[in-house]
């Protein structure tokens, strides 16, 4: 099973990517104040769409395509 980082935006669109930091593999956590996915291990931060904001991670999160039955 793949850990997923999923966000539903204000237009009801669902964005999904892997919840594993590409730097060293830690599981990301949702930061509700900043609306970012943050790595608790070394502090990398990613946008709701999985784009790297700051590192040490140097690459974006892998985008996932969810099946209709996976979207609540």
PDB file of N, CA and C in Angstrom:
ATOM      1  N   UNK A   1       0.847  -1.177   0.000  1.00  0.00           N
ATOM      2  CA  UNK A   1       0.000   0.000   0.000  1.00  0.00           C
ATOM      3  C   UNK A   1       0.896   1.244   0.000  1.00  0.00           C
ATOM      4  N   UNK A   2       0.560   2.209  -0.838  1.00  0.00           N
ATOM      5  CA  UNK A   2       1.309   3.455  -0.948  1.00  0.00           C
ATOM      6  C   UNK A   2       0.741   4.494   0.004  1.00  0.00           C
ATOM      7  N   UNK A   3       1.613   5.161   0.748  1.00  0.00           N
ATOM      8  CA  UNK A   3       1.178   6.284   1.585  1.00  0.00           C
ATOM      9  C   UNK A   3       0.849   7.436   0.661  1.00  0.00           C
ATOM     10  N   UNK A   4      -0.319   8.060   0.874  1.00  0.00           N
ATOM     11  CA  UNK A   4      -0.786   9.112  -0.015  1.00  0.00           C
ATOM     12  C   UNK A   4      -0.945  10.430   0.726  1.00  0.00           C
ATOM     13  N   UNK A   5      -0.537  11.514   0.070  1.00  0.00           N
ATOM     14  CA  UNK A   5      -0.782  12.867   0.545  1.00  0.00           C
ATOM     15  C   UNK A   5      -1.890  13.418  -0.351  1.00  0.00           C
ATOM     16  N   UNK A   6      -3.062  13.646   0.224  1.00  0.00           N
ATOM     17  CA  UNK A   6      -4.235  14.032  -0.584  1.00  0.00           C
ATOM     18  C   UNK A   6      -4.808  15.334  -0.051  1.00  0.00           C
ATOM     19  N   UNK A   7      -5.160  16.215  -0.982  1.00  0.00           N
ATOM     20  CA  UNK A   7      -5.742  17.509  -0.617  1.00  0.00           C
ATOM     21  C   UNK A   7      -6.885  17.822  -1.573  1.00  0.00           C
ATOM     22  N   UNK A   8      -8.020  18.246  -1.030  1.00  0.00           N
ATOM     23  CA  UNK A   8      -9.150  18.696  -1.849  1.00  0.00           C
ATOM     24  C   UNK A   8      -9.171  20.220  -1.779  1.00  0.00           C
ATOM     25  N   UNK A   9      -9.014  20.871  -2.940  1.00  0.00           N
ATOM     26  CA  UNK A   9      -8.916  22.332  -2.954  1.00  0.00           C
ATOM     27  C   UNK A   9     -10.287  23.004  -2.890  1.00  0.00           C
ATOM     28  N   UNK A  10     -10.268  24.331  -2.887  1.00  0.00           N
ATOM     29  CA  UNK A  10     -11.495  25.110  -2.755  1.00  0.00           C
ATOM     30  C   UNK A  10     -12.434  24.962  -3.958  1.00  0.00           C
ATOM     31  N   UNK A  11     -11.928  24.399  -5.077  1.00  0.00           N
ATOM     32  CA  UNK A  11     -12.761  24.124  -6.252  1.00  0.00           C
ATOM     33  C   UNK A  11     -13.207  22.666  -6.308  1.00  0.00           C
ATOM     34  N   UNK A  12     -13.030  21.944  -5.179  1.00  0.00           N
ATOM     35  CA  UNK A  12     -13.429  20.545  -5.036  1.00  0.00           C
ATOM     36  C   UNK A  12     -12.582  19.590  -5.886  1.00  0.00           C
ATOM     37  N   UNK A  13     -11.417  20.041  -6.339  1.00  0.00           N
ATOM     38  CA  UNK A  13     -10.511  19.173  -7.085  1.00  0.00           C
ATOM     39  C   UNK A  13      -9.604  18.452  -6.093  1.00  0.00           C
ATOM     40  N   UNK A  14      -9.364  17.174  -6.341  1.00  0.00           N
ATOM     41  CA  UNK A  14      -8.523  16.360  -5.470  1.00  0.00           C
ATOM     42  C   UNK A  14      -7.116  16.272  -6.061  1.00  0.00           C
ATOM     43  N   UNK A  15      -6.127  16.581  -5.237  1.00  0.00           N
ATOM     44  CA  UNK A  15      -4.716  16.477  -5.618  1.00  0.00           C
ATOM     45  C   UNK A  15      -4.116  15.366  -4.772  1.00  0.00           C
ATOM     46  N   UNK A  16      -3.405  14.438  -5.409  1.00  0.00           N
ATOM     47  CA  UNK A  16      -2.819  13.315  -4.673  1.00  0.00           C
ATOM     48  C   UNK A  16      -1.388  13.079  -5.135  1.00  0.00           C
ATOM     49  N   UNK A  17      -0.529  12.809  -4.182  1.00  0.00           N
ATOM     50  CA  UNK A  17       0.856  12.462  -4.466  1.00  0.00           C
ATOM     51  C   UNK A  17       1.337  11.533  -3.356  1.00  0.00           C
ATOM     52  N   UNK A  18       2.522  10.996  -3.544  1.00  0.00           N
ATOM     53  CA  UNK A  18       3.070  10.126  -2.524  1.00  0.00           C
ATOM     54  C   UNK A  18       3.347  10.933  -1.257  1.00  0.00           C
ATOM     55  N   UNK A  19       3.150  10.333  -0.109  1.00  0.00           N
ATOM     56  CA  UNK A  19       3.388  11.001   1.175  1.00  0.00           C
ATOM     57  C   UNK A  19       4.770  10.662   1.723  1.00  0.00           C
ATOM     58  N   UNK A  20       5.652  10.177   0.861  1.00  0.00           N
ATOM     59  CA  UNK A  20       7.005   9.805   1.265  1.00  0.00           C
ATOM     60  C   UNK A  20       7.971  10.870   0.751  1.00  0.00           C
ATOM     61  N   UNK A  21       8.724  11.473   1.655  1.00  0.00           N
ATOM     62  CA  UNK A  21       9.676  12.515   1.279  1.00  0.00           C
ATOM     63  C   UNK A  21      10.756  11.914   0.377  1.00  0.00           C
ATOM     64  N   UNK A  22      11.043  12.552  -0.770  1.00  0.00           N
ATOM     65  CA  UNK A  22      12.059  12.021  -1.677  1.00  0.00           C
ATOM     66  C   UNK A  22      13.490  12.171  -1.148  1.00  0.00           C
ATOM     67  N   UNK A  23      13.672  12.922  -0.072  1.00  0.00           N
ATOM     68  CA  UNK A  23      15.019  13.108   0.477  1.00  0.00           C
ATOM     69  C   UNK A  23      15.517  11.839   1.163  1.00  0.00           C
ATOM     70  N   UNK A  24      14.833  11.399   2.225  1.00  0.00           N
ATOM     71  CA  UNK A  24      15.271  10.192   2.936  1.00  0.00           C
ATOM     72  C   UNK A  24      14.129   9.249   3.300  1.00  0.00           C
ATOM     73  N   UNK A  25      12.944   9.476   2.748  1.00  0.00           N
ATOM     74  CA  UNK A  25      11.872   8.509   2.899  1.00  0.00           C
ATOM     75  C   UNK A  25      10.959   8.650   4.096  1.00  0.00           C
ATOM     76  N   UNK A  26      11.018   9.764   4.821  1.00  0.00           N
ATOM     77  CA  UNK A  26      10.105   9.957   5.960  1.00  0.00           C
ATOM     78  C   UNK A  26       8.681  10.188   5.448  1.00  0.00           C
ATOM     79  N   UNK A  27       7.712   9.867   6.285  1.00  0.00           N
ATOM     80  CA  UNK A  27       6.307  10.090   5.939  1.00  0.00           C
ATOM     81  C   UNK A  27       5.953  11.543   6.260  1.00  0.00           C
ATOM     82  N   UNK A  28       5.385  12.226   5.275  1.00  0.00           N
ATOM     83  CA  UNK A  28       5.038  13.638   5.419  1.00  0.00           C
ATOM     84  C   UNK A  28       3.840  13.825   6.332  1.00  0.00           C
ATOM     85  N   UNK A  29       3.754  15.013   6.906  1.00  0.00           N
ATOM     86  CA  UNK A  29       2.629  15.382   7.756  1.00  0.00           C
ATOM     87  C   UNK A  29       1.974  16.627   7.187  1.00  0.00           C
ATOM     88  N   UNK A  30       0.650  16.724   7.326  1.00  0.00           N
ATOM     89  CA  UNK A  30      -0.099  17.883   6.858  1.00  0.00           C
ATOM     90  C   UNK A  30       0.064  19.033   7.839  1.00  0.00           C
ATOM     91  N   UNK A  31       0.393  20.216   7.323  1.00  0.00           N
ATOM     92  CA  UNK A  31       0.501  21.427   8.120  1.00  0.00           C
ATOM     93  C   UNK A  31      -0.733  22.273   7.791  1.00  0.00           C
ATOM     94  N   UNK A  32      -1.746  22.217   8.644  1.00  0.00           N
ATOM     95  CA  UNK A  32      -3.022  22.895   8.378  1.00  0.00           C
ATOM     96  C   UNK A  32      -2.887  24.416   8.365  1.00  0.00           C
ATOM     97  N   UNK A  33      -1.972  24.963   9.153  1.00  0.00           N
ATOM     98  CA  UNK A  33      -1.791  26.417   9.184  1.00  0.00           C
ATOM     99  C   UNK A  33      -1.231  26.943   7.859  1.00  0.00           C
ATOM    100  N   UNK A  34      -0.234  26.259   7.334  1.00  0.00           N
ATOM    101  CA  UNK A  34       0.429  26.697   6.099  1.00  0.00           C
ATOM    102  C   UNK A  34      -0.154  26.040   4.847  1.00  0.00           C
ATOM    103  N   UNK A  35      -0.980  25.008   5.055  1.00  0.00           N
ATOM    104  CA  UNK A  35      -1.531  24.201   3.952  1.00  0.00           C
ATOM    105  C   UNK A  35      -0.401  23.626   3.089  1.00  0.00           C
ATOM    106  N   UNK A  36       0.527  22.965   3.774  1.00  0.00           N
ATOM    107  CA  UNK A  36       1.656  22.310   3.117  1.00  0.00           C
ATOM    108  C   UNK A  36       1.836  20.910   3.689  1.00  0.00           C
ATOM    109  N   UNK A  37       2.542  20.075   2.958  1.00  0.00           N
ATOM    110  CA  UNK A  37       2.966  18.773   3.454  1.00  0.00           C
ATOM    111  C   UNK A  37       4.411  18.937   3.906  1.00  0.00           C
ATOM    112  N   UNK A  38       4.683  18.662   5.182  1.00  0.00           N
ATOM    113  CA  UNK A  38       6.002  18.903   5.772  1.00  0.00           C
ATOM    114  C   UNK A  38       6.646  17.595   6.211  1.00  0.00           C
ATOM    115  N   UNK A  39       7.967  17.534   6.055  1.00  0.00           N
ATOM    116  CA  UNK A  39       8.724  16.365   6.476  1.00  0.00           C
ATOM    117  C   UNK A  39       9.220  16.567   7.904  1.00  0.00           C
ATOM    118  N   UNK A  40       8.836  15.680   8.824  1.00  0.00           N
ATOM    119  CA  UNK A  40       9.267  15.827  10.212  1.00  0.00           C
ATOM    120  C   UNK A  40      10.738  15.450  10.429  1.00  0.00           C
ATOM    121  N   UNK A  41      11.353  14.792   9.454  1.00  0.00           N
ATOM    122  CA  UNK A  41      12.725  14.316   9.632  1.00  0.00           C
ATOM    123  C   UNK A  41      13.755  15.436   9.424  1.00  0.00           C
ATOM    124  N   UNK A  42      13.683  16.133   8.285  1.00  0.00           N
ATOM    125  CA  UNK A  42      14.689  17.150   7.976  1.00  0.00           C
ATOM    126  C   UNK A  42      14.099  18.481   7.525  1.00  0.00           C
ATOM    127  N   UNK A  43      12.781  18.626   7.564  1.00  0.00           N
ATOM    128  CA  UNK A  43      12.164  19.928   7.332  1.00  0.00           C
ATOM    129  C   UNK A  43      11.808  20.293   5.911  1.00  0.00           C
ATOM    130  N   UNK A  44      11.889  19.370   4.972  1.00  0.00           N
ATOM    131  CA  UNK A  44      11.443  19.693   3.614  1.00  0.00           C
ATOM    132  C   UNK A  44       9.959  20.034   3.637  1.00  0.00           C
ATOM    133  N   UNK A  45       9.556  20.938   2.739  1.00  0.00           N
ATOM    134  CA  UNK A  45       8.146  21.333   2.672  1.00  0.00           C
ATOM    135  C   UNK A  45       7.682  21.275   1.226  1.00  0.00           C
ATOM    136  N   UNK A  46       6.412  20.891   1.040  1.00  0.00           N
ATOM    137  CA  UNK A  46       5.835  20.724  -0.284  1.00  0.00           C
ATOM    138  C   UNK A  46       4.476  21.394  -0.352  1.00  0.00           C
ATOM    139  N   UNK A  47       4.129  21.916  -1.534  1.00  0.00           N
ATOM    140  CA  UNK A  47       2.814  22.520  -1.725  1.00  0.00           C
ATOM    141  C   UNK A  47       1.738  21.446  -1.686  1.00  0.00           C
ATOM    142  N   UNK A  48       0.503  21.881  -1.708  1.00  0.00           N
ATOM    143  CA  UNK A  48      -0.638  20.950  -1.739  1.00  0.00           C
ATOM    144  C   UNK A  48      -0.598  20.069  -2.975  1.00  0.00           C
ATOM    145  N   UNK A  49       0.038  20.558  -4.041  1.00  0.00           N
ATOM    146  CA  UNK A  49       0.128  19.814  -5.294  1.00  0.00           C
ATOM    147  C   UNK A  49       1.408  18.976  -5.384  1.00  0.00           C
ATOM    148  N   UNK A  50       2.254  19.005  -4.330  1.00  0.00           N
ATOM    149  CA  UNK A  50       3.447  18.168  -4.299  1.00  0.00           C
ATOM    150  C   UNK A  50       4.720  18.824  -4.801  1.00  0.00           C
ATOM    151  N   UNK A  51       4.698  20.111  -5.084  1.00  0.00           N
ATOM    152  CA  UNK A  51       5.897  20.829  -5.536  1.00  0.00           C
ATOM    153  C   UNK A  51       6.764  21.165  -4.327  1.00  0.00           C
ATOM    154  N   UNK A  52       8.070  20.925  -4.454  1.00  0.00           N
ATOM    155  CA  UNK A  52       8.982  21.222  -3.346  1.00  0.00           C
ATOM    156  C   UNK A  52       9.057  22.739  -3.134  1.00  0.00           C
ATOM    157  N   UNK A  53       8.917  23.163  -1.875  1.00  0.00           N
ATOM    158  CA  UNK A  53       9.028  24.575  -1.502  1.00  0.00           C
ATOM    159  C   UNK A  53      10.441  24.847  -1.023  1.00  0.00           C
ATOM    160  N   UNK A  54      10.906  24.028  -0.092  1.00  0.00           N
ATOM    161  CA  UNK A  54      12.290  24.125   0.369  1.00  0.00           C
ATOM    162  C   UNK A  54      12.764  22.760   0.854  1.00  0.00           C
ATOM    163  N   UNK A  55      14.071  22.584   0.836  1.00  0.00           N
ATOM    164  CA  UNK A  55      14.680  21.294   1.083  1.00  0.00           C
ATOM    165  C   UNK A  55      15.157  21.091   2.495  1.00  0.00           C
ATOM    166  N   UNK A  56      15.848  19.979   2.587  1.00  0.00           N
ATOM    167  CA  UNK A  56      16.841  19.440   1.689  1.00  0.00           C
ATOM    168  C   UNK A  56      16.322  18.627   0.496  1.00  0.00           C
ATOM    169  N   UNK A  57      15.058  18.271   0.445  1.00  0.00           N
ATOM    170  CA  UNK A  57      14.549  17.564  -0.738  1.00  0.00           C
ATOM    171  C   UNK A  57      14.740  18.464  -1.953  1.00  0.00           C
ATOM    172  N   UNK A  58      15.150  17.869  -3.072  1.00  0.00           N
ATOM    173  CA  UNK A  58      15.397  18.647  -4.282  1.00  0.00           C
ATOM    174  C   UNK A  58      14.449  18.287  -5.416  1.00  0.00           C
ATOM    175  N   UNK A  59      13.524  17.370  -5.167  1.00  0.00           N
ATOM    176  CA  UNK A  59      12.571  16.995  -6.210  1.00  0.00           C
ATOM    177  C   UNK A  59      11.147  17.010  -5.651  1.00  0.00           C
ATOM    178  N   UNK A  60      10.195  17.173  -6.566  1.00  0.00           N
ATOM    179  CA  UNK A  60       8.781  17.186  -6.207  1.00  0.00           C
ATOM    180  C   UNK A  60       8.332  15.785  -5.800  1.00  0.00           C
ATOM    181  N   UNK A  61       7.161  15.743  -5.180  1.00  0.00           N
ATOM    182  CA  UNK A  61       6.552  14.456  -4.847  1.00  0.00           C
ATOM    183  C   UNK A  61       5.997  13.821  -6.109  1.00  0.00           C
ATOM    184  N   UNK A  62       5.946  12.500  -6.136  1.00  0.00           N
ATOM    185  CA  UNK A  62       5.391  11.786  -7.274  1.00  0.00           C
ATOM    186  C   UNK A  62       3.872  11.928  -7.255  1.00  0.00           C
ATOM    187  N   UNK A  63       3.314  12.380  -8.377  1.00  0.00           N
ATOM    188  CA  UNK A  63       1.865  12.552  -8.512  1.00  0.00           C
ATOM    189  C   UNK A  63       1.200  11.177  -8.615  1.00  0.00           C
ATOM    190  N   UNK A  64       0.082  11.006  -7.919  1.00  0.00           N
ATOM    191  CA  UNK A  64      -0.689   9.767  -7.970  1.00  0.00           C
ATOM    192  C   UNK A  64      -2.040  10.036  -8.622  1.00  0.00           C
ATOM    193  N   UNK A  65      -2.529   9.073  -9.350  1.00  0.00           N
ATOM    194  CA  UNK A  65      -3.866   9.148  -9.929  1.00  0.00           C
ATOM    195  C   UNK A  65      -4.756   8.232  -9.106  1.00  0.00           C
ATOM    196  N   UNK A  66      -5.790   8.814  -8.504  1.00  0.00           N
ATOM    197  CA  UNK A  66      -6.710   8.033  -7.678  1.00  0.00           C
ATOM    198  C   UNK A  66      -7.877   7.535  -8.510  1.00  0.00           C
ATOM    199  N   UNK A  67      -8.324   6.333  -8.198  1.00  0.00           N
ATOM    200  CA  UNK A  67      -9.538   5.803  -8.822  1.00  0.00           C
ATOM    201  C   UNK A  67     -10.738   6.433  -8.141  1.00  0.00           C
ATOM    202  N   UNK A  68     -11.835   6.491  -8.828  1.00  0.00           N
ATOM    203  CA  UNK A  68     -13.042   7.128  -8.310  1.00  0.00           C
ATOM    204  C   UNK A  68     -13.441   6.567  -6.950  1.00  0.00           C
ATOM    205  N   UNK A  69     -13.298   5.263  -6.743  1.00  0.00           N
ATOM    206  CA  UNK A  69     -13.704   4.649  -5.468  1.00  0.00           C
ATOM    207  C   UNK A  69     -12.746   5.001  -4.327  1.00  0.00           C
ATOM    208  N   UNK A  70     -11.572   5.548  -4.645  1.00  0.00           N
ATOM    209  CA  UNK A  70     -10.632   5.947  -3.610  1.00  0.00           C
ATOM    210  C   UNK A  70     -10.888   7.361  -3.105  1.00  0.00           C
ATOM    211  N   UNK A  71     -11.717   8.107  -3.809  1.00  0.00           N
ATOM    212  CA  UNK A  71     -12.016   9.480  -3.430  1.00  0.00           C
ATOM    213  C   UNK A  71     -13.297   9.500  -2.611  1.00  0.00           C
ATOM    214  N   UNK A  72     -13.203  10.054  -1.421  1.00  0.00           N
ATOM    215  CA  UNK A  72     -14.352  10.097  -0.528  1.00  0.00           C
ATOM    216  C   UNK A  72     -15.115  11.379  -0.743  1.00  0.00           C
TER     217      UNK A  72
END
